[in-house]
Amino acid sequence: MPAVTVDNPLTLPKVTASGDALARPVLTVTTAPSGFEGEGFPVRRAFAGINYRHLDPFIMMDQMGEVEYAAGEPKGTPWHPHRGFETVTYLIDGSFIHQDSNGGGGTIENGDTQWMTAGSGLLHIEAPPESLVMSGGLFHGLQLWVNLPKAGKMMAPRYQDIRGGEVQLLASPDGGALLRVIAGELDGHEGPGITHTPITMIHATARPGAEVTLPWREDFNGLAYVLAGRGTVGAERRPVAMGQTAVFGAGGSLTVRADERQDGNTPDLEVVLLGGRPIREPMAHYGPFVMNSQAELKQAFEDFQAGRLGTVPAVHGM
């Protein structure tokens, strides 16, 4: 980790917050509990225990792995439905095959992102390729769920295949931090992901002792999830470590700093930074459906059971 990098970050465009930007304070730091998803791959529930008013428009995020599979061990998910939101799968190491009943899908690996707008509904499957199942290997990634506003919940499904080489690469002024803008905008630099709900998603790598202060939209919330390593967040230098999520308060900038000393198997601090404009609508969430009311949830289940969210293809290429 990471899959997408550069030899010399000083060659990249530099990003820094203005000196008069109000620093966002750190409101909470929570630790993600571990669990299993799909057919049994390990996950950390990054947003568990965080009040939804701090997450909106994000619903949940799982860190998948990091795990070194033996031959025959890699696992995925069975076919399952979605309606009312978007799933964003960012794969740092390994490979995953996606397919949906709407005809979308493909293979993502080593820094690629699969962005699926479920909208009005579809069926979906995620599985490791046969080559990975046969050989085993490293698997590590994230899946983020982004809510859709009521006006967009029944839009037509859509699939975006974002290659790792397409992400916008930026750096801190001293080159100590590398920033990968996957979606949204940072200081005028746009990431490749097309978002219906305005958000920013960044994977940042900070070398030991490096600090970066980024401009952050004041109408967005602010979250930082530590994929690996140790460091601090906020001007108050609140300690964070792997598997922890920091929630920022209001302001125009946020700060992340890597500790001078990291673990031997984790040379840098790896952080996912998220921001989004809150939707501030009622949310009814159960399993694979995210709607605005219990009646809409009931309708989603009825539509799924009646086959109106699509059918599993007879040959799905897995």
C-alpha atoms as a PDB file:
ATOM      1  CA  MET A   1       0.000   0.000   0.000  1.00  0.00           C
ATOM      2  CA  PRO A   2      -0.526   2.323  -1.701  1.00  0.00           C
ATOM      3  CA  ALA A   3      -0.880   1.226  -5.318  1.00  0.00           C
ATOM      4  CA  VAL A   4      -0.880   4.715  -6.877  1.00  0.00           C
ATOM      5  CA  THR A   5       2.160   6.802  -6.008  1.00  0.00           C
ATOM      6  CA  VAL A   6       4.967   8.910  -7.486  1.00  0.00           C
ATOM      7  CA  ASP A   7       8.721   8.881  -6.976  1.00  0.00           C
ATOM      8  CA  ASN A   8       8.917  12.596  -6.222  1.00  0.00           C
ATOM      9  CA  PRO A   9       5.804  14.348  -4.814  1.00  0.00           C
ATOM     10  CA  LEU A  10       7.566  17.715  -5.233  1.00  0.00           C
ATOM     11  CA  THR A  11       6.800  17.497  -8.961  1.00  0.00           C
ATOM     12  CA  LEU A  12       3.051  17.597  -8.223  1.00  0.00           C
ATOM     13  CA  PRO A  13       0.773  20.626  -7.752  1.00  0.00           C
ATOM     14  CA  LYS A  14       0.932  21.847  -4.143  1.00  0.00           C
ATOM     15  CA  VAL A  15      -2.047  22.357  -1.856  1.00  0.00           C
ATOM     16  CA  THR A  16      -2.208  24.321   1.378  1.00  0.00           C
ATOM     17  CA  ALA A  17      -4.857  26.183   3.332  1.00  0.00           C
ATOM     18  CA  SER A  18      -4.763  29.946   3.641  1.00  0.00           C
ATOM     19  CA  GLY A  19      -3.343  31.306   6.883  1.00  0.00           C
ATOM     20  CA  ASP A  20      -6.638  32.904   7.909  1.00  0.00           C
ATOM     21  CA  ALA A  21      -8.746  29.748   7.424  1.00  0.00           C
ATOM     22  CA  LEU A  22     -10.482  28.669  10.618  1.00  0.00           C
ATOM     23  CA  ALA A  23      -9.017  25.333  11.738  1.00  0.00           C
ATOM     24  CA  ARG A  24     -11.598  22.607  12.243  1.00  0.00           C
ATOM     25  CA  PRO A  25     -11.533  21.208  15.781  1.00  0.00           C
ATOM     26  CA  VAL A  26     -11.693  17.466  16.404  1.00  0.00           C
ATOM     27  CA  LEU A  27     -15.061  16.548  17.933  1.00  0.00           C
ATOM     28  CA  THR A  28     -14.643  12.798  18.421  1.00  0.00           C
ATOM     29  CA  VAL A  29     -12.279   9.912  17.714  1.00  0.00           C
ATOM     30  CA  THR A  30     -13.851   6.448  17.538  1.00  0.00           C
ATOM     31  CA  THR A  31     -12.379   2.986  16.982  1.00  0.00           C
ATOM     32  CA  ALA A  32     -13.901   0.750  14.323  1.00  0.00           C
ATOM     33  CA  PRO A  33     -15.094  -2.674  15.507  1.00  0.00           C
ATOM     34  CA  SER A  34     -14.138  -5.690  13.399  1.00  0.00           C
ATOM     35  CA  GLY A  35     -16.580  -8.033  11.680  1.00  0.00           C
ATOM     36  CA  PHE A  36     -17.209 -10.065   8.565  1.00  0.00           C
ATOM     37  CA  GLU A  37     -19.086  -9.250   5.376  1.00  0.00           C
ATOM     38  CA  GLY A  38     -20.424 -11.195   2.401  1.00  0.00           C
ATOM     39  CA  GLU A  39     -19.100 -14.746   2.317  1.00  0.00           C
ATOM     40  CA  GLY A  40     -16.760 -14.039   5.225  1.00  0.00           C
ATOM     41  CA  PHE A  41     -14.112 -11.439   4.367  1.00  0.00           C
ATOM     42  CA  PRO A  42     -12.900  -9.377   7.338  1.00  0.00           C
ATOM     43  CA  VAL A  43     -13.951  -5.727   7.660  1.00  0.00           C
ATOM     44  CA  ARG A  44     -13.608  -2.808  10.060  1.00  0.00           C
ATOM     45  CA  ARG A  45     -16.822  -0.765  10.473  1.00  0.00           C
ATOM     46  CA  ALA A  46     -15.314   2.709  10.206  1.00  0.00           C
ATOM     47  CA  PHE A  47     -18.417   4.704  11.169  1.00  0.00           C
ATOM     48  CA  ALA A  48     -19.762   2.515  13.969  1.00  0.00           C
ATOM     49  CA  GLY A  49     -20.760   4.591  16.992  1.00  0.00           C
ATOM     50  CA  ILE A  50     -20.721   7.949  15.165  1.00  0.00           C
ATOM     51  CA  ASN A  51     -23.911  10.010  15.244  1.00  0.00           C
ATOM     52  CA  TYR A  52     -25.432  10.282  11.770  1.00  0.00           C
ATOM     53  CA  ARG A  53     -25.599  14.076  12.001  1.00  0.00           C
ATOM     54  CA  HIS A  54     -21.784  14.019  11.731  1.00  0.00           C
ATOM     55  CA  LEU A  55     -21.797  11.519   8.824  1.00  0.00           C
ATOM     56  CA  ASP A  56     -24.536  12.874   6.530  1.00  0.00           C
ATOM     57  CA  PRO A  57     -24.393  12.332   3.503  1.00  0.00           C
ATOM     58  CA  PHE A  58     -22.230   9.247   4.194  1.00  0.00           C
ATOM     59  CA  ILE A  59     -24.006   6.161   5.510  1.00  0.00           C
ATOM     60  CA  MET A  60     -21.324   3.585   6.255  1.00  0.00           C
ATOM     61  CA  MET A  61     -17.769   2.639   5.330  1.00  0.00           C
ATOM     62  CA  ASP A  62     -15.985  -0.694   5.664  1.00  0.00           C
ATOM     63  CA  GLN A  63     -12.243  -1.227   5.481  1.00  0.00           C
ATOM     64  CA  MET A  64     -11.913  -4.607   3.757  1.00  0.00           C
ATOM     65  CA  GLY A  65      -8.776  -6.382   4.966  1.00  0.00           C
ATOM     66  CA  GLU A  66      -5.847  -5.766   4.954  1.00  0.00           C
ATOM     67  CA  VAL A  67      -5.530  -9.560   4.699  1.00  0.00           C
ATOM     68  CA  GLU A  68      -3.052 -11.967   3.105  1.00  0.00           C
ATOM     69  CA  TYR A  69      -5.147 -14.834   1.757  1.00  0.00           C
ATOM     70  CA  ALA A  70      -3.843 -18.352   1.318  1.00  0.00           C
ATOM     71  CA  ALA A  71      -4.816 -20.261  -1.828  1.00  0.00           C
ATOM     72  CA  GLY A  72      -8.545 -21.009  -1.823  1.00  0.00           C
ATOM     73  CA  GLU A  73      -9.367 -18.420   0.863  1.00  0.00           C
ATOM     74  CA  PRO A  74     -10.381 -15.232  -1.052  1.00  0.00           C
ATOM     75  CA  LYS A  75     -14.075 -14.444  -0.641  1.00  0.00           C
ATOM     76  CA  GLY A  76     -16.648 -12.042  -2.023  1.00  0.00           C
ATOM     77  CA  THR A  77     -20.391 -11.439  -1.757  1.00  0.00           C
ATOM     78  CA  PRO A  78     -23.375 -13.277  -3.246  1.00  0.00           C
ATOM     79  CA  TRP A  79     -25.860 -11.483  -5.477  1.00  0.00           C
ATOM     80  CA  HIS A  80     -27.682  -8.844  -3.427  1.00  0.00           C
ATOM     81  CA  PRO A  81     -29.940  -5.812  -4.075  1.00  0.00           C
ATOM     82  CA  HIS A  82     -29.381  -2.078  -3.573  1.00  0.00           C
ATOM     83  CA  ARG A  83     -31.666   0.949  -3.869  1.00  0.00           C
ATOM     84  CA  GLY A  84     -31.486   4.625  -2.921  1.00  0.00           C
ATOM     85  CA  PHE A  85     -27.736   5.331  -2.610  1.00  0.00           C
ATOM     86  CA  GLU A  86     -24.291   4.886  -4.173  1.00  0.00           C
ATOM     87  CA  THR A  87     -21.547   2.394  -3.349  1.00  0.00           C
ATOM     88  CA  VAL A  88     -17.909   3.409  -3.806  1.00  0.00           C
ATOM     89  CA  THR A  89     -15.379   0.566  -3.756  1.00  0.00           C
ATOM     90  CA  TYR A  90     -11.744   1.685  -3.613  1.00  0.00           C
ATOM     91  CA  LEU A  91      -9.298  -1.196  -3.973  1.00  0.00           C
ATOM     92  CA  ILE A  92      -5.780  -0.516  -2.730  1.00  0.00           C
ATOM     93  CA  ASP A  93      -4.289  -4.006  -3.099  1.00  0.00           C
ATOM     94  CA  GLY A  94      -5.555  -7.107  -4.877  1.00  0.00           C
ATOM     95  CA  SER A  95      -8.396  -7.397  -7.367  1.00  0.00           C
ATOM     96  CA  PHE A  96     -12.191  -7.699  -7.311  1.00  0.00           C
ATOM     97  CA  ILE A  97     -14.757  -8.424 -10.022  1.00  0.00           C
ATOM     98  CA  HIS A  98     -18.039  -6.517  -9.975  1.00  0.00           C
ATOM     99  CA  GLN A  99     -21.210  -7.141 -11.943  1.00  0.00           C
ATOM    100  CA  ASP A 100     -24.742  -5.808 -11.689  1.00  0.00           C
ATOM    101  CA  SER A 101     -28.066  -6.710 -13.249  1.00  0.00           C
ATOM    102  CA  ASN A 102     -28.061  -3.429 -15.174  1.00  0.00           C
ATOM    103  CA  GLY A 103     -25.058  -4.490 -17.274  1.00  0.00           C
ATOM    104  CA  GLY A 104     -22.410  -2.580 -15.324  1.00  0.00           C
ATOM    105  CA  GLY A 105     -19.272  -4.016 -13.831  1.00  0.00           C
ATOM    106  CA  GLY A 106     -15.687  -4.957 -14.437  1.00  0.00           C
ATOM    107  CA  THR A 107     -12.454  -5.754 -12.642  1.00  0.00           C
ATOM    108  CA  ILE A 108     -10.850  -3.254 -10.281  1.00  0.00           C
ATOM    109  CA  GLU A 109      -7.369  -3.616  -8.830  1.00  0.00           C
ATOM    110  CA  ASN A 110      -4.424  -1.778  -7.296  1.00  0.00           C
ATOM    111  CA  GLY A 111      -5.813   1.734  -6.855  1.00  0.00           C
ATOM    112  CA  ASP A 112      -8.946   1.485  -9.012  1.00  0.00           C
ATOM    113  CA  THR A 113     -12.385   2.637  -7.866  1.00  0.00           C
ATOM    114  CA  GLN A 114     -15.781   1.230  -8.790  1.00  0.00           C
ATOM    115  CA  TRP A 115     -18.583   3.768  -8.338  1.00  0.00           C
ATOM    116  CA  MET A 116     -22.068   2.282  -8.561  1.00  0.00           C
ATOM    117  CA  THR A 117     -25.162   4.450  -8.403  1.00  0.00           C
ATOM    118  CA  ALA A 118     -27.891   2.014  -7.373  1.00  0.00           C
ATOM    119  CA  GLY A 119     -30.622   4.639  -7.716  1.00  0.00           C
ATOM    120  CA  SER A 120     -33.964   2.948  -8.410  1.00  0.00           C
ATOM    121  CA  GLY A 121     -32.434  -0.443  -7.764  1.00  0.00           C
ATOM    122  CA  LEU A 122     -30.399  -3.327  -9.104  1.00  0.00           C
ATOM    123  CA  LEU A 123     -28.764  -6.589  -8.110  1.00  0.00           C
ATOM    124  CA  HIS A 124     -25.026  -6.676  -7.553  1.00  0.00           C
ATOM    125  CA  ILE A 125     -22.221  -9.186  -6.960  1.00  0.00           C
ATOM    126  CA  GLU A 126     -18.575  -8.771  -5.919  1.00  0.00           C
ATOM    127  CA  ALA A 127     -16.104 -11.642  -6.144  1.00  0.00           C
ATOM    128  CA  PRO A 128     -12.360 -12.254  -6.321  1.00  0.00           C
ATOM    129  CA  PRO A 129     -11.085 -13.394  -9.728  1.00  0.00           C
ATOM    130  CA  GLU A 130     -10.352 -17.086 -10.135  1.00  0.00           C
ATOM    131  CA  SER A 131      -6.626 -16.370 -10.346  1.00  0.00           C
ATOM    132  CA  LEU A 132      -6.650 -14.801  -6.856  1.00  0.00           C
ATOM    133  CA  VAL A 133      -8.705 -17.670  -5.448  1.00  0.00           C
ATOM    134  CA  MET A 134      -6.206 -20.166  -6.861  1.00  0.00           C
ATOM    135  CA  SER A 135      -3.053 -18.377  -5.758  1.00  0.00           C
ATOM    136  CA  GLY A 136      -4.122 -16.382  -2.710  1.00  0.00           C
ATOM    137  CA  GLY A 137      -2.581 -12.969  -2.120  1.00  0.00           C
ATOM    138  CA  LEU A 138      -3.023  -9.552  -0.554  1.00  0.00           C
ATOM    139  CA  PHE A 139      -6.475  -7.958  -0.446  1.00  0.00           C
ATOM    140  CA  HIS A 140      -7.195  -4.486   0.929  1.00  0.00           C
ATOM    141  CA  GLY A 141      -9.752  -1.812   0.145  1.00  0.00           C
ATOM    142  CA  LEU A 142     -12.701   0.302   1.227  1.00  0.00           C
ATOM    143  CA  GLN A 143     -16.382   0.368   0.486  1.00  0.00           C
ATOM    144  CA  LEU A 144     -18.199   3.638   1.163  1.00  0.00           C
ATOM    145  CA  TRP A 145     -21.951   4.188   0.955  1.00  0.00           C
ATOM    146  CA  VAL A 146     -23.099   7.684  -0.092  1.00  0.00           C
ATOM    147  CA  ASN A 147     -26.730   8.677   0.339  1.00  0.00           C
ATOM    148  CA  LEU A 148     -28.806  10.130  -2.479  1.00  0.00           C
ATOM    149  CA  PRO A 149     -31.330  12.915  -1.866  1.00  0.00           C
ATOM    150  CA  LYS A 150     -35.008  12.093  -2.216  1.00  0.00           C
ATOM    151  CA  ALA A 151     -35.053  13.629  -5.699  1.00  0.00           C
ATOM    152  CA  GLY A 152     -32.348  11.197  -6.852  1.00  0.00           C
ATOM    153  CA  LYS A 153     -33.253   7.976  -5.116  1.00  0.00           C
ATOM    154  CA  MET A 154     -35.187   6.587  -8.070  1.00  0.00           C
ATOM    155  CA  MET A 155     -32.793   7.744 -10.788  1.00  0.00           C
ATOM    156  CA  ALA A 156     -31.540   5.242 -13.349  1.00  0.00           C
ATOM    157  CA  PRO A 157     -28.612   3.108 -12.114  1.00  0.00           C
ATOM    158  CA  ARG A 158     -25.127   4.011 -13.347  1.00  0.00           C
ATOM    159  CA  TYR A 159     -21.625   2.553 -13.114  1.00  0.00           C
ATOM    160  CA  GLN A 160     -18.298   4.411 -13.147  1.00  0.00           C
ATOM    161  CA  ASP A 161     -15.031   2.570 -13.650  1.00  0.00           C
ATOM    162  CA  ILE A 162     -12.234   4.822 -12.327  1.00  0.00           C
ATOM    163  CA  ARG A 163      -8.706   3.622 -13.042  1.00  0.00           C
ATOM    164  CA  GLY A 164      -6.030   4.318 -10.448  1.00  0.00           C
ATOM    165  CA  GLY A 165      -4.029   6.310 -12.990  1.00  0.00           C
ATOM    166  CA  GLU A 166      -6.929   8.750 -13.402  1.00  0.00           C
ATOM    167  CA  VAL A 167      -6.951  10.081  -9.831  1.00  0.00           C
ATOM    168  CA  GLN A 168      -5.755  13.648  -9.293  1.00  0.00           C
ATOM    169  CA  LEU A 169      -2.358  13.592  -7.554  1.00  0.00           C
ATOM    170  CA  LEU A 170      -1.381  16.540  -5.346  1.00  0.00           C
ATOM    171  CA  ALA A 171       1.181  17.198  -2.618  1.00  0.00           C
ATOM    172  CA  SER A 172       1.780  19.252   0.485  1.00  0.00           C
ATOM    173  CA  PRO A 173       4.158  22.205   0.000  1.00  0.00           C
ATOM    174  CA  ASP A 174       7.186  20.274   1.325  1.00  0.00           C
ATOM    175  CA  GLY A 175       6.298  17.056  -0.514  1.00  0.00           C
ATOM    176  CA  GLY A 176       5.864  15.161   2.746  1.00  0.00           C
ATOM    177  CA  ALA A 177       2.250  14.239   1.993  1.00  0.00           C
ATOM    178  CA  LEU A 178       0.846  12.739  -1.206  1.00  0.00           C
ATOM    179  CA  LEU A 179      -2.860  13.357  -1.877  1.00  0.00           C
ATOM    180  CA  ARG A 180      -4.995  11.259  -4.222  1.00  0.00           C
ATOM    181  CA  VAL A 181      -8.270  13.027  -5.073  1.00  0.00           C
ATOM    182  CA  ILE A 182     -10.657  10.248  -6.061  1.00  0.00           C
ATOM    183  CA  ALA A 183     -13.812  12.336  -6.202  1.00  0.00           C
ATOM    184  CA  GLY A 184     -14.835  15.914  -5.664  1.00  0.00           C
ATOM    185  CA  GLU A 185     -12.526  18.902  -5.515  1.00  0.00           C
ATOM    186  CA  LEU A 186      -9.578  20.089  -3.438  1.00  0.00           C
ATOM    187  CA  ASP A 187      -8.277  23.633  -3.841  1.00  0.00           C
ATOM    188  CA  GLY A 188      -9.564  23.777  -7.420  1.00  0.00           C
ATOM    189  CA  HIS A 189      -8.264  20.335  -8.428  1.00  0.00           C
ATOM    190  CA  GLU A 190     -10.983  17.909  -9.512  1.00  0.00           C
ATOM    191  CA  GLY A 191     -10.991  14.150  -9.001  1.00  0.00           C
ATOM    192  CA  PRO A 192     -12.397  11.825 -11.691  1.00  0.00           C
ATOM    193  CA  GLY A 193     -15.427  10.529  -9.756  1.00  0.00           C
ATOM    194  CA  ILE A 194     -18.759  12.061 -10.796  1.00  0.00           C
ATOM    195  CA  THR A 195     -20.904  12.585  -7.715  1.00  0.00           C
ATOM    196  CA  HIS A 196     -24.643  13.195  -7.450  1.00  0.00           C
ATOM    197  CA  THR A 197     -24.316  14.190  -3.813  1.00  0.00           C
ATOM    198  CA  PRO A 198     -21.525  16.797  -3.500  1.00  0.00           C
ATOM    199  CA  ILE A 199     -18.603  15.099  -1.720  1.00  0.00           C
ATOM    200  CA  THR A 200     -14.813  14.990  -1.619  1.00  0.00           C
ATOM    201  CA  MET A 201     -12.877  11.720  -1.190  1.00  0.00           C
ATOM    202  CA  ILE A 202      -9.080  11.751  -0.750  1.00  0.00           C
ATOM    203  CA  HIS A 203      -6.505   9.091   0.112  1.00  0.00           C
ATOM    204  CA  ALA A 204      -3.538  10.809   1.765  1.00  0.00           C
ATOM    205  CA  THR A 205      -0.119   9.335   2.549  1.00  0.00           C
ATOM    206  CA  ALA A 206       2.031  11.286   5.015  1.00  0.00           C
ATOM    207  CA  ARG A 207       5.644  10.369   5.600  1.00  0.00           C
ATOM    208  CA  PRO A 208       6.900  10.144   9.214  1.00  0.00           C
ATOM    209  CA  GLY A 209       6.817  13.616  10.778  1.00  0.00           C
ATOM    210  CA  ALA A 210       5.003  15.196   7.823  1.00  0.00           C
ATOM    211  CA  GLU A 211       2.051  17.538   8.416  1.00  0.00           C
ATOM    212  CA  VAL A 212      -0.492  18.805   5.915  1.00  0.00           C
ATOM    213  CA  THR A 213      -3.209  21.423   6.399  1.00  0.00           C
ATOM    214  CA  LEU A 214      -5.817  21.334   3.670  1.00  0.00           C
ATOM    215  CA  PRO A 215      -8.478  23.855   2.675  1.00  0.00           C
ATOM    216  CA  TRP A 216     -11.894  22.354   3.345  1.00  0.00           C
ATOM    217  CA  ARG A 217     -15.277  23.535   2.139  1.00  0.00           C
ATOM    218  CA  GLU A 218     -17.149  25.125   5.014  1.00  0.00           C
ATOM    219  CA  ASP A 219     -20.485  23.688   3.813  1.00  0.00           C
ATOM    220  CA  PHE A 220     -19.039  20.135   3.995  1.00  0.00           C
ATOM    221  CA  ASN A 221     -18.584  17.934   7.022  1.00  0.00           C
ATOM    222  CA  GLY A 222     -15.117  16.489   7.654  1.00  0.00           C
ATOM    223  CA  LEU A 223     -14.009  12.944   8.484  1.00  0.00           C
ATOM    224  CA  ALA A 224     -10.614  11.243   8.612  1.00  0.00           C
ATOM    225  CA  TYR A 225     -10.247   7.451   8.742  1.00  0.00           C
ATOM    226  CA  VAL A 226      -6.818   5.908   9.423  1.00  0.00           C
ATOM    227  CA  LEU A 227      -6.074   2.997   7.114  1.00  0.00           C
ATOM    228  CA  ALA A 228      -2.610   2.405   8.564  1.00  0.00           C
ATOM    229  CA  GLY A 229      -0.021   4.048  10.783  1.00  0.00           C
ATOM    230  CA  ARG A 230      -0.185   6.548  13.624  1.00  0.00           C
ATOM    231  CA  GLY A 231      -0.468  10.300  13.791  1.00  0.00           C
ATOM    232  CA  THR A 232      -2.533  13.220  14.987  1.00  0.00           C
ATOM    233  CA  VAL A 233      -5.456  15.239  13.643  1.00  0.00           C
ATOM    234  CA  GLY A 234      -6.477  18.836  14.161  1.00  0.00           C
ATOM    235  CA  ALA A 235      -4.428  21.778  15.336  1.00  0.00           C
ATOM    236  CA  GLU A 236      -4.756  20.309  18.855  1.00  0.00           C
ATOM    237  CA  ARG A 237      -2.935  17.149  17.636  1.00  0.00           C
ATOM    238  CA  ARG A 238      -5.454  14.562  18.781  1.00  0.00           C
ATOM    239  CA  PRO A 239      -3.801  11.103  18.533  1.00  0.00           C
ATOM    240  CA  VAL A 240      -5.202   8.627  15.974  1.00  0.00           C
ATOM    241  CA  ALA A 241      -4.126   5.169  14.823  1.00  0.00           C
ATOM    242  CA  MET A 242      -5.156   2.440  12.379  1.00  0.00           C
ATOM    243  CA  GLY A 243      -8.874   1.730  12.453  1.00  0.00           C
ATOM    244  CA  GLN A 244      -9.888   5.035  14.030  1.00  0.00           C
ATOM    245  CA  THR A 245     -12.163   7.754  12.636  1.00  0.00           C
ATOM    246  CA  ALA A 246     -11.861  11.426  13.553  1.00  0.00           C
ATOM    247  CA  VAL A 247     -14.877  13.727  13.202  1.00  0.00           C
ATOM    248  CA  PHE A 248     -14.061  17.390  12.598  1.00  0.00           C
ATOM    249  CA  GLY A 249     -16.191  20.342  13.577  1.00  0.00           C
ATOM    250  CA  ALA A 250     -16.871  23.482  11.563  1.00  0.00           C
ATOM    251  CA  GLY A 251     -14.142  25.482   9.857  1.00  0.00           C
ATOM    252  CA  GLY A 252     -12.236  26.111   6.641  1.00  0.00           C
ATOM    253  CA  SER A 253      -9.204  23.819   7.048  1.00  0.00           C
ATOM    254  CA  LEU A 254      -8.224  20.497   8.552  1.00  0.00           C
ATOM    255  CA  THR A 255      -4.828  19.181   9.630  1.00  0.00           C
ATOM    256  CA  VAL A 256      -3.309  15.697   9.614  1.00  0.00           C
ATOM    257  CA  ARG A 257       0.170  14.856  10.908  1.00  0.00           C
ATOM    258  CA  ALA A 258       2.148  11.591  10.856  1.00  0.00           C
ATOM    259  CA  ASP A 259       4.075  10.525  13.939  1.00  0.00           C
ATOM    260  CA  GLU A 260       7.858  10.638  13.671  1.00  0.00           C
ATOM    261  CA  ARG A 261       8.040   6.891  14.274  1.00  0.00           C
ATOM    262  CA  GLN A 262       5.776   4.347  12.584  1.00  0.00           C
ATOM    263  CA  ASP A 263       5.508   0.580  12.871  1.00  0.00           C
ATOM    264  CA  GLY A 264       7.992  -1.463  10.874  1.00  0.00           C
ATOM    265  CA  ASN A 265       5.303  -2.866   8.555  1.00  0.00           C
ATOM    266  CA  THR A 266       3.624   0.540   8.129  1.00  0.00           C
ATOM    267  CA  PRO A 267       6.179   3.102   6.979  1.00  0.00           C
ATOM    268  CA  ASP A 268       3.698   5.981   6.529  1.00  0.00           C
ATOM    269  CA  LEU A 269       0.411   7.330   7.856  1.00  0.00           C
ATOM    270  CA  GLU A 270      -2.408   6.385   5.445  1.00  0.00           C
ATOM    271  CA  VAL A 271      -5.649   8.351   5.849  1.00  0.00           C
ATOM    272  CA  VAL A 272      -8.903   8.618   3.917  1.00  0.00           C
ATOM    273  CA  LEU A 273     -10.380  12.118   4.123  1.00  0.00           C
ATOM    274  CA  LEU A 274     -14.086  12.565   3.435  1.00  0.00           C
ATOM    275  CA  GLY A 275     -16.309  15.601   3.199  1.00  0.00           C
ATOM    276  CA  GLY A 276     -19.817  16.088   1.925  1.00  0.00           C
ATOM    277  CA  ARG A 277     -22.722  18.489   1.919  1.00  0.00           C
ATOM    278  CA  PRO A 278     -25.335  17.175   4.372  1.00  0.00           C
ATOM    279  CA  ILE A 279     -28.626  16.180   2.742  1.00  0.00           C
ATOM    280  CA  ARG A 280     -30.640  16.776   5.927  1.00  0.00           C
ATOM    281  CA  GLU A 281     -33.586  14.625   4.922  1.00  0.00           C
ATOM    282  CA  PRO A 282     -35.275  11.819   6.871  1.00  0.00           C
ATOM    283  CA  MET A 283     -33.425   8.523   6.337  1.00  0.00           C
ATOM    284  CA  ALA A 284     -34.864   5.019   6.591  1.00  0.00           C
ATOM    285  CA  HIS A 285     -32.108   2.435   6.280  1.00  0.00           C
ATOM    286  CA  TYR A 286     -32.409  -1.320   6.465  1.00  0.00           C
ATOM    287  CA  GLY A 287     -29.908  -3.729   4.954  1.00  0.00           C
ATOM    288  CA  PRO A 288     -29.291  -2.935   1.273  1.00  0.00           C
ATOM    289  CA  PHE A 289     -31.947  -0.204   0.986  1.00  0.00           C
ATOM    290  CA  VAL A 290     -31.649   3.472   2.000  1.00  0.00           C
ATOM    291  CA  MET A 291     -34.852   5.445   1.567  1.00  0.00           C
ATOM    292  CA  ASN A 292     -36.689   8.363   3.213  1.00  0.00           C
ATOM    293  CA  SER A 293     -39.529   6.501   4.920  1.00  0.00           C
ATOM    294  CA  GLN A 294     -40.558   3.097   6.201  1.00  0.00           C
ATOM    295  CA  ALA A 295     -43.192   2.917   3.467  1.00  0.00           C
ATOM    296  CA  GLU A 296     -40.477   3.376   0.825  1.00  0.00           C
ATOM    297  CA  LEU A 297     -38.390   0.664   2.487  1.00  0.00           C
ATOM    298  CA  LYS A 298     -41.361  -1.695   2.395  1.00  0.00           C
ATOM    299  CA  GLN A 299     -41.860  -0.897  -1.288  1.00  0.00           C
ATOM    300  CA  ALA A 300     -38.180  -1.597  -1.988  1.00  0.00           C
ATOM    301  CA  PHE A 301     -38.451  -5.057  -0.389  1.00  0.00           C
ATOM    302  CA  GLU A 302     -41.635  -5.790  -2.323  1.00  0.00           C
ATOM    303  CA  ASP A 303     -40.024  -4.700  -5.581  1.00  0.00           C
ATOM    304  CA  PHE A 304     -36.986  -6.881  -4.860  1.00  0.00           C
ATOM    305  CA  GLN A 305     -39.113  -9.922  -4.068  1.00  0.00           C
ATOM    306  CA  ALA A 306     -41.157  -9.353  -7.231  1.00  0.00           C
ATOM    307  CA  GLY A 307     -38.013  -9.201  -9.382  1.00  0.00           C
ATOM    308  CA  ARG A 308     -38.438  -5.536 -10.252  1.00  0.00           C
ATOM    309  CA  LEU A 309     -34.830  -4.692  -9.252  1.00  0.00           C
ATOM    310  CA  GLY A 310     -33.477  -6.976 -11.946  1.00  0.00           C
ATOM    311  CA  THR A 311     -32.606 -10.637 -12.263  1.00  0.00           C
ATOM    312  CA  VAL A 312     -29.356 -12.553 -11.912  1.00  0.00           C
ATOM    313  CA  PRO A 313     -27.868 -13.106 -15.388  1.00  0.00           C
ATOM    314  CA  ALA A 314     -27.786 -16.743 -16.475  1.00  0.00           C
ATOM    315  CA  VAL A 315     -24.043 -16.396 -17.181  1.00  0.00           C
ATOM    316  CA  HIS A 316     -22.291 -13.782 -15.056  1.00  0.00           C
ATOM    317  CA  GLY A 317     -18.657 -14.413 -15.932  1.00  0.00           C
ATOM    318  CA  MET A 318     -17.529 -15.248 -12.417  1.00  0.00           C
END
